[in-house]
Amino acid sequence: MGLINKPYAVIAALLMLTVGLAGCLQQAEVTHVGCMPAPDEGGQATTAQLATSTIESPSEAMKPQANAQSDDAVQIEDGPALKLGSLLPLTGDLNPFGPSAENAVQLAVEHVNEAGGVNGQDVELITADSETSEDAASSAASHLIDVEEVHAIVGAMGSSVSLAFIDQVVAAEIPMISPSNTAPTFTEMAEDSETDGWYFRTVPSDTLQGALMADVAIDEGFETASILAINNDYGVGFGDVFQERYEDNGGEVLEYVRYDPEGTDFSSDVDAVAAANPDVVVAIGYPDTGQIFMQNAIDRGHAGANPSVQWMFSEGFQDQSGFVDQLGTVEFEDEEVSVIEGCLGTAPQEMTHEQFVADFQEAFDMEPALFSDRTYDAAMLLMLASEACDCVEGEAFKDAITEVQNEPGTEVEYDAEEALLLLRAGQDIQWTGAAGPLEFDENNDVTAPGLIWQVNEGQIEVIETGIVP
């Protein structure tokens, strides 16, 4: 978790598809849509009670306060200035998440600078665009490290994108925290000492997500499956975990297709996964290419009205405006419903802090997208670590990241000012941030429960949380 954006082409294609589909519906009865069962048939999709998990909003005293000063605040002395780099997908296949994530970094820096900065100086933020491209990200990382001389990097979002420049980060000995890399590859690299502890992530590995998806497929009664995965470390890592867990639990994978991240037509790919006639197709990828292959699937009768197969989706497609809304609707039983109505997906459980959401909305007049809370925490951990060690480089900086996140220490719940005041007073802290409580293990991984989401009445709805596969 690269393509060039094609907004106008996609919109035009969707309009043409909607018109054409409407014409077809006048001639043929629509008996079922998306993942909804046909009348009088047993359904595959669950309708579990909606369950959300958020951290309660803190008291006013616990909220970040602009320029607030405590009566017994420790005198801030000037130390080394922190230069923070962000390398996020402002364009490309992960563009639905990137700009919101960048806003989250800016919000974290604002909260810290309003509370006196780090080491007595304002944090400087240098922004770069990964373009959801391995080549572009590698070049951008070189610029951030060699030209801008940043001390730490927030990013990247796509696993394969991060892998394209992780060697540069390790060689330069600067910490890097990703808010959304889920490929199991990073754990393997840490175990083999290839990252030397310089790489962290605030999202769980797909070892969790692939297993959860497999368990849900088995629980739904899907005895056979085909996999359609983006051909990068995220897609293949997720797909491999799914296949192993699914087959261990009695399922059978009939077809495993890896699609080109830079492709513009996936008709042959969707034909291949559907031709095996599986009970379900498990789609693993990102919104932009997902729009394309799902339109190909609709055109060829594999999705939408009277689909030939059911679909399940990874967390990369848990995007209302960037994926579900783009696919359009069809008329079913005198109502307009999503073409993937009833379809299921899985994702890491978000325990997003209510005050973070309020702060984000006030600052940017928009809802934070998926992974924005984890991006805020990635930036905040780097800044708090710098304050804790009174440094901006070296082993002490790297080690301080774990120290401000894990026990022991005074728990600080989404309050940059309180965290900084405690650190300036020489106290240990345990940061519980926008994404809730996290703890790094020996590989700088975190764990978290998963959730199941479903498209109900055209909207993404979380239907079950707290699942540990």
Protein backbone atom coordinates (compact mmCIF):
# COMPACT_ATOMS: atom_id res chain seq x y z
CA MET A 1 0.00 0.00 0.00
CA GLY A 2 2.17 3.84 -9.96
CA LEU A 3 -0.13 4.98 -12.13
CA ILE A 4 -0.69 8.37 -13.75
CA ASN A 5 -4.02 9.89 -12.65
CA LYS A 6 -6.61 9.95 -15.39
CA PRO A 7 -9.58 11.65 -13.70
CA TYR A 8 -11.29 12.91 -16.83
CA ALA A 9 -10.89 9.64 -18.68
CA VAL A 10 -12.24 7.66 -15.75
CA ILE A 11 -15.22 9.98 -15.33
CA ALA A 12 -16.05 9.78 -19.03
CA ALA A 13 -15.76 6.01 -18.99
CA LEU A 14 -18.04 5.78 -15.99
CA LEU A 15 -20.65 8.00 -17.64
CA MET A 16 -20.58 5.91 -20.81
CA LEU A 17 -20.80 2.71 -18.79
CA THR A 18 -23.75 3.97 -16.75
CA VAL A 19 -25.66 4.93 -19.90
CA GLY A 20 -24.89 1.63 -21.58
CA LEU A 21 -25.75 -0.39 -18.51
CA ALA A 22 -29.06 1.42 -18.09
CA GLY A 23 -29.96 0.50 -21.67
CA CYS A 24 -29.20 -3.13 -21.04
CA LEU A 25 -31.32 -3.20 -17.92
CA GLN A 26 -34.39 -2.26 -19.92
CA GLN A 27 -34.03 -5.49 -21.88
CA ALA A 28 -32.87 -7.95 -19.21
CA GLU A 29 -34.18 -8.42 -15.68
CA VAL A 30 -31.67 -7.75 -12.94
CA THR A 31 -32.07 -10.60 -10.48
CA HIS A 32 -29.14 -9.68 -8.24
CA VAL A 33 -26.44 -7.04 -7.94
CA GLY A 34 -22.89 -6.99 -6.61
CA CYS A 35 -22.73 -9.48 -3.73
CA MET A 36 -26.47 -9.47 -2.97
CA PRO A 37 -28.20 -12.84 -3.29
CA ALA A 38 -30.85 -13.42 -5.93
CA PRO A 39 -34.45 -13.59 -4.62
CA ASP A 40 -35.26 -16.75 -2.67
CA GLU A 41 -31.60 -17.82 -2.65
CA GLY A 42 -29.24 -18.10 0.28
CA GLY A 43 -26.95 -15.11 0.55
CA GLN A 44 -23.24 -15.05 1.10
CA ALA A 45 -22.88 -11.60 2.65
CA THR A 46 -23.18 -11.09 6.37
CA THR A 47 -25.23 -8.34 7.99
CA ALA A 48 -23.58 -8.20 11.39
CA GLN A 49 -24.37 -5.33 13.70
CA LEU A 50 -22.38 -2.19 13.08
CA ALA A 51 -19.66 -1.94 15.69
CA THR A 52 -17.17 0.91 15.84
CA SER A 53 -14.18 1.34 18.09
CA THR A 54 -12.95 4.80 18.97
CA ILE A 55 -11.04 6.25 21.85
CA GLU A 56 -13.24 8.52 23.94
CA SER A 57 -12.68 12.22 23.45
CA PRO A 58 -10.28 13.53 26.10
CA SER A 59 -11.08 16.22 28.60
CA GLU A 60 -10.32 19.79 27.62
CA ALA A 61 -7.14 19.64 29.69
CA MET A 62 -5.91 16.69 27.63
CA LYS A 63 -6.48 18.23 24.19
CA PRO A 64 -3.65 19.88 22.24
CA GLN A 65 -3.84 23.60 23.05
CA ALA A 66 -2.31 26.21 20.79
CA ASN A 67 0.47 28.22 22.51
CA ALA A 68 -0.68 27.07 25.97
CA GLN A 69 1.94 27.34 28.72
CA SER A 70 1.93 25.52 32.03
CA ASP A 71 2.73 27.49 35.19
CA ASP A 72 5.48 25.03 36.00
CA ALA A 73 6.67 24.50 32.43
CA VAL A 74 10.31 23.55 32.06
CA GLN A 75 12.42 26.27 30.46
CA ILE A 76 13.02 25.36 26.80
CA GLU A 77 16.68 25.51 25.81
CA ASP A 78 17.76 25.58 22.18
CA GLY A 79 19.11 22.30 20.86
CA PRO A 80 19.53 20.79 17.40
CA ALA A 81 16.71 21.71 14.98
CA LEU A 82 14.74 18.79 13.52
CA LYS A 83 14.22 18.65 9.78
CA LEU A 84 11.38 16.22 9.00
CA GLY A 85 10.74 14.82 5.52
CA SER A 86 7.46 13.41 4.23
CA LEU A 87 7.38 11.13 1.21
CA LEU A 88 3.72 10.39 0.49
CA PRO A 89 1.61 9.72 -2.67
CA LEU A 90 0.21 13.12 -3.60
CA THR A 91 -0.39 11.64 -7.07
CA GLY A 92 -0.64 8.15 -8.56
CA ASP A 93 -2.58 5.03 -7.60
CA LEU A 94 -2.60 5.85 -3.87
CA ASN A 95 -3.64 9.47 -4.42
CA PRO A 96 -6.99 8.91 -2.63
CA PHE A 97 -5.00 8.54 0.62
CA GLY A 98 -1.87 10.65 0.09
CA PRO A 99 -3.09 14.27 0.35
CA SER A 100 -5.02 13.47 3.54
CA ALA A 101 -1.93 11.77 4.98
CA GLU A 102 0.16 14.83 4.14
CA ASN A 103 -2.39 17.00 5.95
CA ALA A 104 -1.99 14.75 8.98
CA VAL A 105 1.78 15.32 8.99
CA GLN A 106 1.23 19.07 8.76
CA LEU A 107 -1.25 18.91 11.65
CA ALA A 108 1.24 17.02 13.83
CA VAL A 109 3.99 19.54 13.08
CA GLU A 110 1.60 22.39 13.84
CA HIS A 111 0.67 20.85 17.19
CA VAL A 112 4.34 20.42 18.15
CA ASN A 113 5.43 23.88 17.01
CA GLU A 114 2.51 25.50 18.85
CA ALA A 115 3.76 23.74 21.99
CA GLY A 116 7.28 25.15 21.67
CA GLY A 117 8.75 22.94 18.96
CA VAL A 118 11.44 20.29 19.42
CA ASN A 119 14.69 21.01 21.23
CA GLY A 120 13.61 24.64 21.56
CA GLN A 121 13.16 25.18 17.82
CA ASP A 122 10.35 24.84 15.30
CA VAL A 123 10.29 21.62 13.32
CA GLU A 124 10.86 22.18 9.61
CA LEU A 125 8.77 19.99 7.26
CA ILE A 126 10.02 19.14 3.76
CA THR A 127 7.39 17.52 1.53
CA ALA A 128 8.00 15.24 -1.47
CA ASP A 129 5.64 13.29 -3.74
CA SER A 130 6.25 9.57 -4.15
CA GLU A 131 3.82 9.53 -7.12
CA THR A 132 3.04 5.93 -6.04
CA SER A 133 6.06 5.10 -8.18
CA GLU A 134 9.18 3.20 -7.20
CA ASP A 135 11.45 5.26 -9.47
CA ALA A 136 9.93 8.61 -8.47
CA ALA A 137 10.09 7.71 -4.77
CA SER A 138 13.73 6.63 -5.01
CA SER A 139 14.65 9.94 -6.66
CA ALA A 140 12.60 11.91 -4.11
CA ALA A 141 14.27 10.05 -1.23
CA SER A 142 17.69 10.88 -2.64
CA HIS A 143 16.72 14.54 -2.75
CA LEU A 144 15.37 14.51 0.81
CA ILE A 145 18.44 12.74 2.20
CA ASP A 146 21.29 14.22 0.13
CA VAL A 147 20.03 17.70 -0.75
CA GLU A 148 17.53 18.65 1.97
CA GLU A 149 19.45 16.64 4.60
CA VAL A 150 16.33 15.64 6.51
CA HIS A 151 16.80 13.81 9.79
CA ALA A 152 13.80 11.45 9.44
CA ILE A 153 11.13 10.47 6.90
CA VAL A 154 7.41 9.81 7.21
CA GLY A 155 6.44 7.40 4.42
CA ALA A 156 6.03 5.84 2.09
CA MET A 157 2.50 4.47 1.81
CA GLY A 158 2.94 1.68 -0.75
CA SER A 159 5.09 -1.26 0.36
CA SER A 160 6.89 -1.62 -2.98
CA VAL A 161 7.48 2.15 -3.02
CA SER A 162 9.15 2.04 0.41
CA LEU A 163 11.25 -0.94 -0.61
CA ALA A 164 12.57 1.11 -3.54
CA PHE A 165 14.42 3.49 -1.21
CA ILE A 166 14.74 1.72 2.14
CA ASP A 167 18.39 0.91 1.44
CA GLN A 168 19.11 4.64 1.13
CA VAL A 169 17.52 5.27 4.52
CA VAL A 170 19.48 2.47 6.19
CA ALA A 171 22.75 3.60 4.61
CA ALA A 172 22.13 7.20 5.75
CA GLU A 173 21.12 5.96 9.22
CA ILE A 174 17.96 8.03 9.43
CA PRO A 175 14.69 6.67 10.86
CA MET A 176 11.72 6.09 8.60
CA ILE A 177 8.17 5.38 9.74
CA SER A 178 5.48 4.22 7.31
CA PRO A 179 1.80 4.62 8.17
CA SER A 180 0.55 1.99 5.73
CA ASN A 181 3.23 -0.48 4.56
CA THR A 182 1.65 -3.86 5.22
CA ALA A 183 3.87 -6.29 3.26
CA PRO A 184 5.34 -9.10 5.41
CA THR A 185 8.65 -8.43 3.61
CA PHE A 186 9.59 -5.73 6.13
CA THR A 187 9.37 -8.15 9.04
CA GLU A 188 11.57 -10.61 7.18
CA MET A 189 14.12 -7.86 6.46
CA ALA A 190 14.17 -6.85 10.12
CA GLU A 191 14.64 -10.45 11.22
CA ASP A 192 17.60 -10.72 8.81
CA SER A 193 19.08 -7.44 10.18
CA GLU A 194 18.71 -5.77 6.78
CA THR A 195 17.03 -2.66 8.20
CA ASP A 196 19.28 -2.31 11.28
CA GLY A 197 16.31 -0.96 13.20
CA TRP A 198 15.91 2.22 11.10
CA TYR A 199 12.54 1.19 9.64
CA PHE A 200 9.26 1.34 11.62
CA ARG A 201 5.58 1.12 10.72
CA THR A 202 2.42 2.12 12.57
CA VAL A 203 0.17 -0.35 10.73
CA PRO A 204 0.05 -4.14 11.18
CA SER A 205 1.53 -6.51 8.63
CA ASP A 206 -0.58 -8.36 6.07
CA THR A 207 0.23 -11.47 8.04
CA LEU A 208 -2.85 -10.31 9.93
CA GLN A 209 -4.91 -9.07 6.98
CA GLY A 210 -4.33 -12.05 4.70
CA ALA A 211 -5.28 -14.44 7.49
CA LEU A 212 -8.36 -12.40 8.38
CA MET A 213 -9.54 -12.34 4.76
CA ALA A 214 -9.11 -16.11 4.53
CA ASP A 215 -11.06 -16.67 7.74
CA VAL A 216 -13.92 -14.44 6.54
CA ALA A 217 -14.07 -16.26 3.20
CA ILE A 218 -14.29 -19.63 4.98
CA ASP A 219 -16.91 -18.31 7.42
CA GLU A 220 -19.00 -17.02 4.50
CA GLY A 221 -19.08 -20.51 3.00
CA PHE A 222 -16.81 -19.75 0.03
CA GLU A 223 -15.21 -23.11 -0.69
CA THR A 224 -13.26 -21.96 -3.76
CA ALA A 225 -11.58 -18.65 -4.54
CA SER A 226 -9.59 -16.84 -7.18
CA ILE A 227 -7.09 -14.12 -6.26
CA LEU A 228 -6.59 -10.90 -8.25
CA ALA A 229 -3.63 -9.10 -6.68
CA ILE A 230 -1.59 -6.08 -7.70
CA ASN A 231 1.86 -7.32 -8.68
CA ASN A 232 3.94 -5.67 -5.99
CA ASP A 233 5.11 -6.53 -2.49
CA TYR A 234 1.81 -5.50 -0.92
CA GLY A 235 -0.42 -7.46 -3.30
CA VAL A 236 1.69 -10.59 -3.56
CA GLY A 237 2.48 -10.62 0.18
CA PHE A 238 -1.21 -10.33 1.06
CA GLY A 239 -2.21 -12.89 -1.58
CA ASP A 240 0.35 -15.45 -0.46
CA VAL A 241 -0.76 -15.21 3.18
CA PHE A 242 -4.41 -15.49 2.12
CA GLN A 243 -3.74 -18.58 -0.01
CA GLU A 244 -1.80 -20.40 2.69
CA ARG A 245 -4.36 -19.71 5.42
CA TYR A 246 -7.36 -20.37 3.15
CA GLU A 247 -6.05 -23.72 1.91
CA ASP A 248 -4.98 -24.74 5.43
CA ASN A 249 -8.63 -24.23 6.45
CA GLY A 250 -10.04 -26.35 3.63
CA GLY A 251 -10.52 -23.81 0.85
CA GLU A 252 -9.17 -24.18 -2.68
CA VAL A 253 -7.55 -21.38 -4.71
CA LEU A 254 -8.44 -21.98 -8.35
CA GLU A 255 -6.61 -19.07 -9.99
CA TYR A 256 -4.01 -16.54 -8.77
CA VAL A 257 -3.54 -13.58 -11.11
CA ARG A 258 -1.07 -10.78 -10.44
CA TYR A 259 -2.04 -7.63 -12.35
CA ASP A 260 0.31 -4.95 -13.68
CA PRO A 261 0.34 -1.86 -11.40
CA GLU A 262 0.81 0.32 -14.49
CA GLY A 263 -1.79 -1.43 -16.64
CA THR A 264 -4.68 0.43 -18.24
CA ASP A 265 -6.93 -2.52 -19.14
CA PHE A 266 -7.39 -5.68 -17.10
CA SER A 267 -10.02 -7.49 -19.17
CA SER A 268 -7.88 -10.61 -19.60
CA ASP A 269 -7.09 -10.64 -15.89
CA VAL A 270 -10.72 -10.46 -14.75
CA ASP A 271 -11.65 -13.07 -17.37
CA ALA A 272 -8.99 -15.39 -15.97
CA VAL A 273 -10.12 -15.17 -12.34
CA ALA A 274 -13.79 -15.49 -13.28
CA ALA A 275 -13.35 -18.32 -15.80
CA ALA A 276 -12.40 -20.71 -13.03
CA ASN A 277 -15.93 -20.18 -11.66
CA PRO A 278 -14.87 -19.62 -8.04
CA ASP A 279 -17.27 -18.92 -5.20
CA VAL A 280 -15.47 -15.60 -4.67
CA VAL A 281 -12.78 -13.41 -6.22
CA VAL A 282 -10.46 -11.80 -3.65
CA ALA A 283 -9.24 -8.45 -4.98
CA ILE A 284 -6.06 -6.95 -3.49
CA GLY A 285 -4.88 -3.56 -4.71
CA TYR A 286 -5.44 0.20 -4.79
CA PRO A 287 -8.40 2.42 -5.75
CA ASP A 288 -7.24 3.83 -9.11
CA THR A 289 -6.38 0.51 -10.76
CA GLY A 290 -9.29 -1.05 -8.87
CA GLN A 291 -11.72 1.27 -10.65
CA ILE A 292 -10.35 0.08 -13.97
CA PHE A 293 -10.46 -3.66 -13.38
CA MET A 294 -13.89 -3.46 -11.77
CA GLN A 295 -15.24 -1.59 -14.81
CA ASN A 296 -13.67 -4.28 -16.98
CA ALA A 297 -15.40 -6.88 -14.79
CA ILE A 298 -18.75 -5.09 -15.08
CA ASP A 299 -18.40 -4.82 -18.86
CA ARG A 300 -17.77 -8.56 -19.09
CA GLY A 301 -20.55 -9.63 -16.73
CA HIS A 302 -18.32 -10.62 -13.83
CA ALA A 303 -19.54 -7.82 -11.53
CA GLY A 304 -22.48 -5.42 -11.25
CA ALA A 305 -25.89 -6.58 -12.48
CA ASN A 306 -26.30 -10.38 -12.41
CA PRO A 307 -22.55 -10.96 -11.79
CA SER A 308 -20.97 -14.29 -12.59
CA VAL A 309 -18.92 -14.24 -9.34
CA GLN A 310 -18.87 -12.68 -5.87
CA TRP A 311 -16.12 -10.25 -4.82
CA MET A 312 -14.20 -9.47 -1.62
CA PHE A 313 -11.81 -6.55 -1.22
CA SER A 314 -8.64 -5.70 0.72
CA GLU A 315 -8.28 -2.53 2.80
CA GLY A 316 -6.84 -0.70 -0.22
CA PHE A 317 -10.40 -0.41 -1.55
CA GLN A 318 -11.97 0.83 1.68
CA ASP A 319 -12.42 4.22 0.04
CA GLN A 320 -15.92 5.64 -0.39
CA SER A 321 -15.25 8.51 -2.80
CA GLY A 322 -12.17 7.10 -4.52
CA PHE A 323 -13.52 3.61 -5.21
CA VAL A 324 -17.11 2.72 -4.29
CA ASP A 325 -18.70 5.95 -5.57
CA GLN A 326 -16.67 5.80 -8.78
CA LEU A 327 -18.13 2.44 -9.75
CA GLY A 328 -21.66 3.84 -9.98
CA THR A 329 -25.06 2.25 -9.41
CA VAL A 330 -27.67 0.08 -11.11
CA GLU A 331 -31.42 -0.15 -10.62
CA PHE A 332 -32.45 -3.12 -8.52
CA GLU A 333 -35.98 -3.71 -7.18
CA ASP A 334 -36.95 -0.09 -7.99
CA GLU A 335 -33.92 1.32 -6.16
CA GLU A 336 -30.50 2.57 -7.24
CA VAL A 337 -27.85 0.43 -5.54
CA SER A 338 -24.08 0.22 -5.76
CA VAL A 339 -22.71 -2.19 -8.34
CA ILE A 340 -20.83 -3.85 -5.48
CA GLU A 341 -23.74 -3.72 -3.04
CA GLY A 342 -23.31 -6.27 -0.24
CA CYS A 343 -19.67 -7.02 -1.02
CA LEU A 344 -17.30 -7.56 1.90
CA GLY A 345 -13.82 -6.34 2.71
CA THR A 346 -11.33 -6.46 5.56
CA ALA A 347 -8.93 -3.91 7.05
CA PRO A 348 -6.84 -3.21 10.13
CA GLN A 349 -9.10 -1.82 12.83
CA GLU A 350 -8.88 1.94 13.15
CA MET A 351 -9.22 3.24 16.72
CA THR A 352 -9.12 6.84 15.58
CA HIS A 353 -9.18 9.41 18.35
CA GLU A 354 -12.28 11.60 18.26
CA GLN A 355 -10.29 14.76 18.94
CA PHE A 356 -7.93 14.01 16.05
CA VAL A 357 -10.94 13.80 13.72
CA ALA A 358 -12.27 17.12 15.09
CA ASP A 359 -8.87 18.81 14.78
CA PHE A 360 -8.42 17.50 11.24
CA GLN A 361 -11.85 18.67 10.15
CA GLU A 362 -11.33 22.11 11.65
CA ALA A 363 -7.93 22.51 9.98
CA PHE A 364 -8.74 21.12 6.53
CA ASP A 365 -12.54 21.09 6.22
CA MET A 366 -12.55 17.39 5.30
CA GLU A 367 -12.72 13.96 6.92
CA PRO A 368 -9.36 12.22 7.43
CA ALA A 369 -8.87 9.37 4.96
CA LEU A 370 -7.75 5.85 5.83
CA PHE A 371 -4.26 5.80 7.41
CA SER A 372 -4.26 9.53 8.20
CA ASP A 373 -4.35 8.83 11.95
CA ARG A 374 -1.41 6.45 11.61
CA THR A 375 0.45 9.10 9.59
CA TYR A 376 -0.10 11.69 12.33
CA ASP A 377 1.36 9.26 14.86
CA ALA A 378 4.34 8.46 12.63
CA ALA A 379 5.25 12.15 12.45
CA MET A 380 4.55 12.71 16.15
CA LEU A 381 6.73 9.78 17.24
CA LEU A 382 9.69 11.13 15.30
CA MET A 383 9.31 14.57 16.85
CA LEU A 384 8.80 13.26 20.38
CA ALA A 385 11.82 10.96 19.99
CA SER A 386 13.98 13.89 18.98
CA GLU A 387 12.85 15.82 22.06
CA ALA A 388 13.42 12.78 24.28
CA CYS A 389 17.04 12.30 23.19
CA ASP A 390 17.78 15.99 22.59
CA CYS A 391 19.22 14.89 19.27
CA VAL A 392 18.33 14.57 15.59
CA GLU A 393 20.57 11.71 14.51
CA GLY A 394 22.33 8.54 15.52
CA GLU A 395 21.45 5.46 17.52
CA ALA A 396 20.03 7.55 20.38
CA PHE A 397 17.44 9.07 18.02
CA LYS A 398 16.47 5.65 16.65
CA ASP A 399 16.19 4.08 20.10
CA ALA A 400 14.09 6.97 21.42
CA ILE A 401 11.28 6.16 18.95
CA THR A 402 10.54 2.90 20.73
CA GLU A 403 11.07 4.52 24.13
CA VAL A 404 8.36 7.17 23.62
CA GLN A 405 5.92 4.63 22.18
CA ASN A 406 6.29 1.63 24.49
CA GLU A 407 6.04 1.06 28.22
CA PRO A 408 7.22 2.15 30.72
CA GLY A 409 6.32 5.81 31.03
CA THR A 410 3.46 8.16 31.73
CA GLU A 411 0.68 7.45 29.25
CA VAL A 412 -0.10 10.53 27.17
CA GLU A 413 -3.31 10.42 25.16
CA TYR A 414 -3.21 12.54 21.99
CA ASP A 415 -1.70 15.63 23.62
CA ALA A 416 1.49 16.97 22.06
CA GLU A 417 1.95 19.70 24.65
CA GLU A 418 1.69 17.37 27.64
CA ALA A 419 4.08 14.88 26.02
CA LEU A 420 6.67 17.59 25.33
CA LEU A 421 6.40 19.07 28.83
CA LEU A 422 7.00 15.66 30.41
CA LEU A 423 9.97 14.97 28.15
CA ARG A 424 11.49 18.37 28.91
CA ALA A 425 11.15 17.53 32.60
CA GLY A 426 13.19 14.37 32.01
CA GLN A 427 10.25 11.96 32.38
CA ASP A 428 9.48 8.89 30.26
CA ILE A 429 6.24 8.80 28.27
CA GLN A 430 4.10 6.23 26.50
CA TRP A 431 2.39 7.85 23.51
CA THR A 432 -1.22 6.91 22.74
CA GLY A 433 -2.01 8.93 19.67
CA ALA A 434 -4.48 9.49 16.87
CA ALA A 435 -4.56 5.78 15.98
CA GLY A 436 -4.91 4.59 19.57
CA PRO A 437 -2.47 2.55 21.65
CA LEU A 438 0.33 0.86 19.70
CA GLU A 439 3.51 -0.93 20.75
CA PHE A 440 6.58 -1.77 18.68
CA ASP A 441 7.94 -5.30 18.87
CA GLU A 442 11.54 -6.40 18.27
CA ASN A 443 11.06 -5.90 14.50
CA ASN A 444 9.49 -2.43 14.89
CA ASP A 445 6.13 -3.92 13.89
CA VAL A 446 2.83 -3.22 15.63
CA THR A 447 -0.15 -5.47 16.11
CA ALA A 448 -3.84 -4.56 15.98
CA PRO A 449 -7.16 -6.36 15.57
CA GLY A 450 -8.93 -6.38 12.23
CA LEU A 451 -12.38 -5.42 11.03
CA ILE A 452 -14.90 -6.44 8.37
CA TRP A 453 -16.55 -3.81 6.18
CA GLN A 454 -19.40 -4.12 3.72
CA VAL A 455 -21.07 -1.94 1.09
CA ASN A 456 -24.60 -1.36 2.43
CA GLU A 457 -27.00 1.02 0.65
CA GLY A 458 -24.05 2.28 -1.36
CA GLN A 459 -21.97 3.19 1.70
CA ILE A 460 -18.96 1.51 3.29
CA GLU A 461 -20.05 0.32 6.71
CA VAL A 462 -17.97 -1.39 9.37
CA ILE A 463 -19.94 -4.43 10.46
CA GLU A 464 -17.56 -6.21 12.85
CA THR A 465 -14.49 -5.16 14.80
CA GLY A 466 -12.00 -6.54 17.28
CA ILE A 467 -11.19 -9.63 15.22
CA VAL A 468 -7.90 -11.40 15.90
CA PRO A 469 -7.34 -14.19 13.35
